[in-house]
Amino acid sequence: VQLQASGGGLVQPGGSLKLSCATSGVTVDYHGLGWFRQAPGKKREGVSCIDSVGGSGYSTWYTNSVKGRFTISRDSAKNMVYLQMDSLEPEDTALYYCATDFSGCGSWSHRPDLIDAWGRGTQVTVSS
C-alpha cells in the first residue's frame, strides 16, 4: 500500500486549499480512506474519513472542528482521495497525513493505532 499526499502550502486565514492523496494497493471504493493531522506539540488527530456503505453509497466523518468547512471526496477511477479545506483558520495549521483503515472509518476518531497504512505528510500553514 502506498499513499502520497500533496497540496499543502501557506494560506491566509479564510483561504482555501485542496489536499490530494494518490493511492496504490488500496481499493478506494471498499476501504476507509481519509486524513489525520498533527500540529507541533499535539497528538495526531483524525480529521475526516470516507467509507462505503451499501452497494454504491458512501459515508463521511468529520471531526467537529472542521464540520461545514472541509469536504472529503474520492475518485475511484483515479484512485484518489481529496480534502477540500475552506475558511481555513490558524488552528488548522498542521502536518496532514493521508491514511487508510481497511475495515472502514469506525475507529478514525479515537484509534489511530488501527490505521493500516500512512502516507507522508503535507504541511498546511494558515497565517497572515
N, C-alpha and C. Protein backbone atom coordinates (compact mmCIF):
# COMPACT_ATOMS: atom_id res chain seq x y z
N VAL A 1 0.84 -1.18 0.00
CA VAL A 1 0.00 0.00 0.00
C VAL A 1 0.89 1.25 0.00
N GLN A 2 0.57 2.16 -0.87
CA GLN A 2 1.29 3.44 -0.90
C GLN A 2 0.29 4.58 -0.96
N LEU A 3 0.54 5.59 -0.15
CA LEU A 3 -0.29 6.78 -0.11
C LEU A 3 0.61 7.99 -0.24
N GLN A 4 0.27 8.89 -1.13
CA GLN A 4 1.10 10.07 -1.35
C GLN A 4 0.21 11.31 -1.30
N ALA A 5 0.43 12.10 -0.25
CA ALA A 5 -0.35 13.32 -0.07
C ALA A 5 0.35 14.50 -0.71
N SER A 6 -0.44 15.44 -1.22
CA SER A 6 0.10 16.66 -1.80
C SER A 6 -0.92 17.77 -1.67
N GLY A 7 -0.49 18.99 -1.97
CA GLY A 7 -1.43 20.10 -1.98
C GLY A 7 -1.32 21.05 -0.82
N GLY A 8 -0.45 20.76 0.13
CA GLY A 8 -0.30 21.67 1.26
C GLY A 8 0.36 22.97 0.85
N GLY A 9 0.39 23.92 1.77
CA GLY A 9 1.02 25.20 1.48
C GLY A 9 0.71 26.23 2.53
N LEU A 10 1.06 27.45 2.21
CA LEU A 10 0.81 28.59 3.11
C LEU A 10 -0.40 29.36 2.58
N VAL A 11 -1.35 29.61 3.46
CA VAL A 11 -2.56 30.32 3.06
C VAL A 11 -2.97 31.26 4.18
N GLN A 12 -3.62 32.35 3.80
CA GLN A 12 -4.09 33.31 4.80
C GLN A 12 -5.36 32.80 5.46
N PRO A 13 -5.65 33.23 6.66
CA PRO A 13 -6.93 32.86 7.30
C PRO A 13 -8.11 33.21 6.41
N GLY A 14 -9.04 32.29 6.35
CA GLY A 14 -10.19 32.45 5.47
C GLY A 14 -9.99 31.88 4.08
N GLY A 15 -8.77 31.49 3.78
CA GLY A 15 -8.46 30.96 2.47
C GLY A 15 -8.79 29.49 2.32
N SER A 16 -8.44 28.93 1.17
CA SER A 16 -8.76 27.54 0.84
C SER A 16 -7.54 26.79 0.32
N LEU A 17 -7.54 25.50 0.55
CA LEU A 17 -6.56 24.59 -0.03
C LEU A 17 -7.26 23.28 -0.33
N LYS A 18 -6.74 22.56 -1.31
CA LYS A 18 -7.28 21.23 -1.61
C LYS A 18 -6.13 20.23 -1.54
N LEU A 19 -6.24 19.30 -0.61
CA LEU A 19 -5.26 18.24 -0.50
C LEU A 19 -5.67 17.06 -1.37
N SER A 20 -4.66 16.40 -1.92
CA SER A 20 -4.89 15.21 -2.73
C SER A 20 -4.09 14.05 -2.17
N CYS A 21 -4.63 12.86 -2.30
CA CYS A 21 -3.93 11.66 -1.87
C CYS A 21 -3.99 10.64 -2.99
N ALA A 22 -2.84 10.34 -3.57
CA ALA A 22 -2.75 9.31 -4.59
C ALA A 22 -2.52 7.97 -3.91
N THR A 23 -3.33 6.98 -4.26
CA THR A 23 -3.24 5.68 -3.58
C THR A 23 -2.86 4.58 -4.55
N SER A 24 -2.20 3.57 -4.03
CA SER A 24 -1.96 2.33 -4.77
C SER A 24 -2.01 1.20 -3.77
N GLY A 25 -2.52 0.05 -4.22
CA GLY A 25 -2.67 -1.09 -3.31
C GLY A 25 -3.87 -0.99 -2.41
N VAL A 26 -4.73 0.00 -2.67
CA VAL A 26 -5.94 0.21 -1.89
C VAL A 26 -7.13 0.27 -2.82
N THR A 27 -8.23 -0.36 -2.44
CA THR A 27 -9.44 -0.25 -3.23
C THR A 27 -10.25 0.92 -2.67
N VAL A 28 -10.23 2.00 -3.41
CA VAL A 28 -10.81 3.26 -2.93
C VAL A 28 -12.28 3.08 -2.57
N ASP A 29 -12.99 2.25 -3.32
CA ASP A 29 -14.42 2.07 -3.09
C ASP A 29 -14.73 1.20 -1.87
N TYR A 30 -13.76 0.45 -1.39
CA TYR A 30 -14.05 -0.52 -0.34
C TYR A 30 -13.41 -0.20 1.02
N HIS A 31 -12.34 0.56 1.01
CA HIS A 31 -11.61 0.79 2.24
C HIS A 31 -11.85 2.18 2.79
N GLY A 32 -11.73 2.32 4.09
CA GLY A 32 -11.79 3.63 4.69
C GLY A 32 -10.53 4.42 4.33
N LEU A 33 -10.72 5.63 3.85
CA LEU A 33 -9.60 6.49 3.46
C LEU A 33 -9.86 7.89 3.98
N GLY A 34 -8.80 8.56 4.36
CA GLY A 34 -9.02 9.91 4.84
C GLY A 34 -7.77 10.57 5.34
N TRP A 35 -7.98 11.48 6.30
CA TRP A 35 -6.91 12.39 6.71
C TRP A 35 -6.80 12.50 8.23
N PHE A 36 -5.56 12.55 8.67
CA PHE A 36 -5.21 12.93 10.03
C PHE A 36 -4.36 14.19 9.94
N ARG A 37 -4.20 14.84 11.07
CA ARG A 37 -3.27 15.96 11.14
C ARG A 37 -2.58 15.98 12.50
N GLN A 38 -1.42 16.58 12.50
CA GLN A 38 -0.67 16.70 13.75
C GLN A 38 0.02 18.05 13.79
N ALA A 39 -0.35 18.84 14.78
CA ALA A 39 0.27 20.13 15.00
C ALA A 39 1.42 19.97 15.98
N PRO A 40 2.39 20.87 15.96
CA PRO A 40 3.53 20.76 16.88
C PRO A 40 3.07 20.68 18.34
N GLY A 41 3.58 19.69 19.06
CA GLY A 41 3.25 19.54 20.46
C GLY A 41 1.90 18.94 20.75
N LYS A 42 1.19 18.52 19.70
CA LYS A 42 -0.15 17.94 19.89
C LYS A 42 -0.20 16.52 19.35
N LYS A 43 -1.21 15.80 19.81
CA LYS A 43 -1.39 14.44 19.33
C LYS A 43 -1.94 14.45 17.90
N ARG A 44 -1.68 13.36 17.19
CA ARG A 44 -2.25 13.22 15.88
C ARG A 44 -3.76 13.02 16.03
N GLU A 45 -4.55 13.74 15.25
CA GLU A 45 -6.00 13.63 15.35
C GLU A 45 -6.62 13.33 14.00
N GLY A 46 -7.70 12.55 14.04
CA GLY A 46 -8.45 12.28 12.84
C GLY A 46 -9.19 13.52 12.39
N VAL A 47 -9.14 13.81 11.11
CA VAL A 47 -9.80 14.98 10.54
C VAL A 47 -11.05 14.57 9.77
N SER A 48 -10.91 13.63 8.87
CA SER A 48 -12.03 13.22 8.03
C SER A 48 -11.77 11.86 7.43
N CYS A 49 -12.85 11.15 7.14
CA CYS A 49 -12.74 9.82 6.56
C CYS A 49 -13.93 9.58 5.64
N ILE A 50 -13.70 8.79 4.58
CA ILE A 50 -14.78 8.42 3.68
C ILE A 50 -14.77 6.91 3.52
N ASP A 51 -15.97 6.34 3.51
CA ASP A 51 -16.11 4.90 3.54
C ASP A 51 -17.27 4.52 2.64
N SER A 52 -17.41 3.24 2.36
CA SER A 52 -18.51 2.78 1.53
C SER A 52 -19.59 2.14 2.38
N VAL A 53 -20.82 2.35 2.00
CA VAL A 53 -21.95 1.70 2.64
C VAL A 53 -22.89 1.19 1.56
N GLY A 54 -23.51 0.04 1.84
CA GLY A 54 -24.44 -0.50 0.86
C GLY A 54 -23.72 -0.87 -0.42
N GLY A 55 -24.47 -0.89 -1.51
CA GLY A 55 -23.88 -1.29 -2.77
C GLY A 55 -23.04 -0.23 -3.43
N SER A 56 -23.54 0.99 -3.42
CA SER A 56 -22.80 2.05 -4.12
C SER A 56 -22.76 3.34 -3.34
N GLY A 57 -23.23 3.30 -2.10
CA GLY A 57 -23.23 4.52 -1.30
C GLY A 57 -21.94 4.74 -0.56
N TYR A 58 -21.86 5.87 0.12
CA TYR A 58 -20.67 6.16 0.89
C TYR A 58 -21.09 6.96 2.12
N SER A 59 -20.23 6.96 3.10
CA SER A 59 -20.45 7.76 4.30
C SER A 59 -19.19 8.57 4.57
N THR A 60 -19.37 9.67 5.26
CA THR A 60 -18.24 10.53 5.60
C THR A 60 -18.28 10.86 7.08
N TRP A 61 -17.13 11.10 7.62
CA TRP A 61 -16.98 11.51 9.02
C TRP A 61 -16.04 12.69 9.07
N TYR A 62 -16.37 13.66 9.94
CA TYR A 62 -15.52 14.84 10.15
C TYR A 62 -15.38 15.09 11.64
N THR A 63 -14.21 15.49 12.04
CA THR A 63 -14.07 15.94 13.41
C THR A 63 -14.84 17.26 13.56
N ASN A 64 -15.33 17.53 14.76
CA ASN A 64 -16.24 18.67 14.95
C ASN A 64 -15.66 20.00 14.49
N SER A 65 -14.38 20.19 14.69
CA SER A 65 -13.79 21.50 14.42
C SER A 65 -13.73 21.85 12.93
N VAL A 66 -13.93 20.86 12.05
CA VAL A 66 -13.86 21.14 10.61
C VAL A 66 -15.19 20.98 9.91
N LYS A 67 -16.21 20.56 10.62
CA LYS A 67 -17.53 20.37 10.00
C LYS A 67 -18.03 21.68 9.40
N GLY A 68 -18.52 21.59 8.18
CA GLY A 68 -19.00 22.78 7.48
C GLY A 68 -17.92 23.54 6.75
N ARG A 69 -16.66 23.20 6.99
CA ARG A 69 -15.55 23.90 6.32
C ARG A 69 -14.76 22.97 5.40
N PHE A 70 -14.64 21.71 5.78
CA PHE A 70 -13.87 20.75 4.99
C PHE A 70 -14.82 19.77 4.31
N THR A 71 -14.42 19.31 3.12
CA THR A 71 -15.21 18.32 2.39
C THR A 71 -14.28 17.25 1.84
N ILE A 72 -14.56 16.02 2.19
CA ILE A 72 -13.77 14.90 1.69
C ILE A 72 -14.49 14.28 0.49
N SER A 73 -13.70 13.80 -0.47
CA SER A 73 -14.28 13.16 -1.64
C SER A 73 -13.29 12.14 -2.17
N ARG A 74 -13.75 11.32 -3.09
CA ARG A 74 -12.86 10.32 -3.68
C ARG A 74 -13.18 10.15 -5.15
N ASP A 75 -12.22 9.65 -5.89
CA ASP A 75 -12.38 9.34 -7.30
C ASP A 75 -11.81 7.94 -7.50
N SER A 76 -12.69 6.96 -7.57
CA SER A 76 -12.23 5.58 -7.65
C SER A 76 -11.52 5.29 -8.96
N ALA A 77 -11.91 5.96 -10.03
CA ALA A 77 -11.27 5.74 -11.32
C ALA A 77 -9.81 6.18 -11.30
N LYS A 78 -9.51 7.19 -10.50
CA LYS A 78 -8.15 7.71 -10.42
C LYS A 78 -7.43 7.24 -9.15
N ASN A 79 -8.12 6.48 -8.31
CA ASN A 79 -7.54 6.03 -7.03
C ASN A 79 -7.07 7.21 -6.18
N MET A 80 -7.90 8.21 -6.12
CA MET A 80 -7.55 9.44 -5.42
C MET A 80 -8.56 9.75 -4.32
N VAL A 81 -8.08 10.39 -3.28
CA VAL A 81 -8.93 10.94 -2.22
C VAL A 81 -8.53 12.41 -2.05
N TYR A 82 -9.54 13.24 -1.80
CA TYR A 82 -9.29 14.68 -1.71
C TYR A 82 -9.85 15.24 -0.41
N LEU A 83 -9.28 16.35 0.00
CA LEU A 83 -9.83 17.10 1.14
C LEU A 83 -9.85 18.57 0.74
N GLN A 84 -11.04 19.08 0.47
CA GLN A 84 -11.21 20.49 0.18
C GLN A 84 -11.36 21.22 1.52
N MET A 85 -10.48 22.17 1.75
CA MET A 85 -10.47 22.89 3.02
C MET A 85 -10.77 24.35 2.76
N ASP A 86 -11.88 24.82 3.25
CA ASP A 86 -12.30 26.21 3.09
C ASP A 86 -12.35 26.91 4.44
N SER A 87 -12.42 28.21 4.41
CA SER A 87 -12.48 29.02 5.63
C SER A 87 -11.41 28.58 6.63
N LEU A 88 -10.22 28.44 6.14
CA LEU A 88 -9.13 27.94 6.98
C LEU A 88 -8.82 28.90 8.12
N GLU A 89 -8.45 28.32 9.24
CA GLU A 89 -8.15 29.06 10.46
C GLU A 89 -6.72 28.74 10.90
N PRO A 90 -6.09 29.64 11.64
CA PRO A 90 -4.73 29.34 12.13
C PRO A 90 -4.65 28.02 12.88
N GLU A 91 -5.75 27.64 13.54
CA GLU A 91 -5.76 26.38 14.29
C GLU A 91 -5.71 25.15 13.38
N ASP A 92 -5.90 25.34 12.09
CA ASP A 92 -5.80 24.22 11.14
C ASP A 92 -4.36 23.94 10.73
N THR A 93 -3.44 24.79 11.16
CA THR A 93 -2.04 24.59 10.82
C THR A 93 -1.54 23.28 11.40
N ALA A 94 -1.01 22.42 10.53
CA ALA A 94 -0.56 21.10 10.96
C ALA A 94 0.05 20.38 9.77
N LEU A 95 0.67 19.26 10.08
CA LEU A 95 1.11 18.33 9.04
C LEU A 95 -0.06 17.37 8.80
N TYR A 96 -0.52 17.30 7.57
CA TYR A 96 -1.69 16.49 7.23
C TYR A 96 -1.24 15.19 6.58
N TYR A 97 -1.79 14.08 7.08
CA TYR A 97 -1.43 12.76 6.60
C TYR A 97 -2.63 12.08 5.95
N CYS A 98 -2.39 11.46 4.83
CA CYS A 98 -3.38 10.57 4.24
C CYS A 98 -3.22 9.19 4.88
N ALA A 99 -4.33 8.50 5.09
CA ALA A 99 -4.27 7.20 5.77
C ALA A 99 -5.40 6.31 5.31
N THR A 100 -5.26 5.00 5.59
CA THR A 100 -6.31 4.06 5.27
C THR A 100 -6.50 3.05 6.39
N ASP A 101 -7.75 2.74 6.66
CA ASP A 101 -8.12 1.66 7.57
C ASP A 101 -8.97 0.70 6.75
N PHE A 102 -8.47 -0.51 6.53
CA PHE A 102 -9.15 -1.45 5.64
C PHE A 102 -10.55 -1.80 6.14
N SER A 103 -10.80 -1.62 7.43
CA SER A 103 -12.10 -2.00 7.97
C SER A 103 -13.10 -0.86 7.92
N GLY A 104 -12.68 0.35 7.53
CA GLY A 104 -13.61 1.46 7.42
C GLY A 104 -13.24 2.62 8.31
N CYS A 105 -14.23 3.49 8.56
CA CYS A 105 -13.99 4.73 9.29
C CYS A 105 -14.40 4.65 10.76
N GLY A 106 -14.84 3.50 11.21
CA GLY A 106 -15.42 3.41 12.54
C GLY A 106 -14.50 3.84 13.67
N SER A 107 -13.19 3.67 13.51
CA SER A 107 -12.25 3.99 14.58
C SER A 107 -11.45 5.26 14.31
N TRP A 108 -11.82 5.97 13.25
CA TRP A 108 -10.99 7.10 12.82
C TRP A 108 -10.83 8.16 13.89
N SER A 109 -11.87 8.39 14.69
CA SER A 109 -11.84 9.49 15.65
C SER A 109 -11.01 9.21 16.88
N HIS A 110 -10.78 7.94 17.21
CA HIS A 110 -10.18 7.66 18.51
C HIS A 110 -9.14 6.55 18.51
N ARG A 111 -8.89 5.90 17.37
CA ARG A 111 -7.94 4.80 17.36
C ARG A 111 -6.97 4.90 16.17
N PRO A 112 -6.10 5.90 16.18
CA PRO A 112 -5.12 5.97 15.09
C PRO A 112 -4.19 4.76 15.06
N ASP A 113 -4.13 4.01 16.17
CA ASP A 113 -3.28 2.82 16.18
C ASP A 113 -3.83 1.72 15.28
N LEU A 114 -5.09 1.83 14.86
CA LEU A 114 -5.69 0.82 13.99
C LEU A 114 -5.50 1.13 12.51
N ILE A 115 -4.91 2.26 12.20
CA ILE A 115 -4.67 2.61 10.81
C ILE A 115 -3.72 1.60 10.17
N ASP A 116 -4.06 1.16 8.96
CA ASP A 116 -3.28 0.13 8.28
C ASP A 116 -2.10 0.70 7.51
N ALA A 117 -2.21 1.90 7.01
CA ALA A 117 -1.11 2.49 6.26
C ALA A 117 -1.19 4.00 6.31
N TRP A 118 -0.04 4.62 6.36
CA TRP A 118 0.09 6.08 6.39
C TRP A 118 0.89 6.56 5.20
N GLY A 119 0.54 7.74 4.72
CA GLY A 119 1.38 8.39 3.74
C GLY A 119 2.26 9.42 4.43
N ARG A 120 3.19 9.98 3.70
CA ARG A 120 3.96 11.09 4.23
C ARG A 120 3.07 12.32 4.32
N GLY A 121 3.37 13.17 5.25
CA GLY A 121 2.53 14.33 5.47
C GLY A 121 2.78 15.45 4.48
N THR A 122 1.80 16.33 4.39
CA THR A 122 1.93 17.57 3.63
C THR A 122 1.59 18.72 4.58
N GLN A 123 2.45 19.73 4.60
CA GLN A 123 2.31 20.80 5.58
C GLN A 123 1.27 21.82 5.13
N VAL A 124 0.37 22.14 6.05
CA VAL A 124 -0.60 23.20 5.84
C VAL A 124 -0.34 24.28 6.90
N THR A 125 -0.09 25.49 6.45
CA THR A 125 0.16 26.61 7.36
C THR A 125 -0.82 27.72 7.06
N VAL A 126 -1.58 28.11 8.08
CA VAL A 126 -2.56 29.18 7.93
C VAL A 126 -2.08 30.37 8.75
N SER A 127 -1.69 31.39 8.06
CA SER A 127 -1.10 32.54 8.76
C SER A 127 -1.21 33.78 7.89
N SER A 128 -1.35 34.91 8.55
CA SER A 128 -1.36 36.18 7.82
C SER A 128 0.03 36.80 7.79
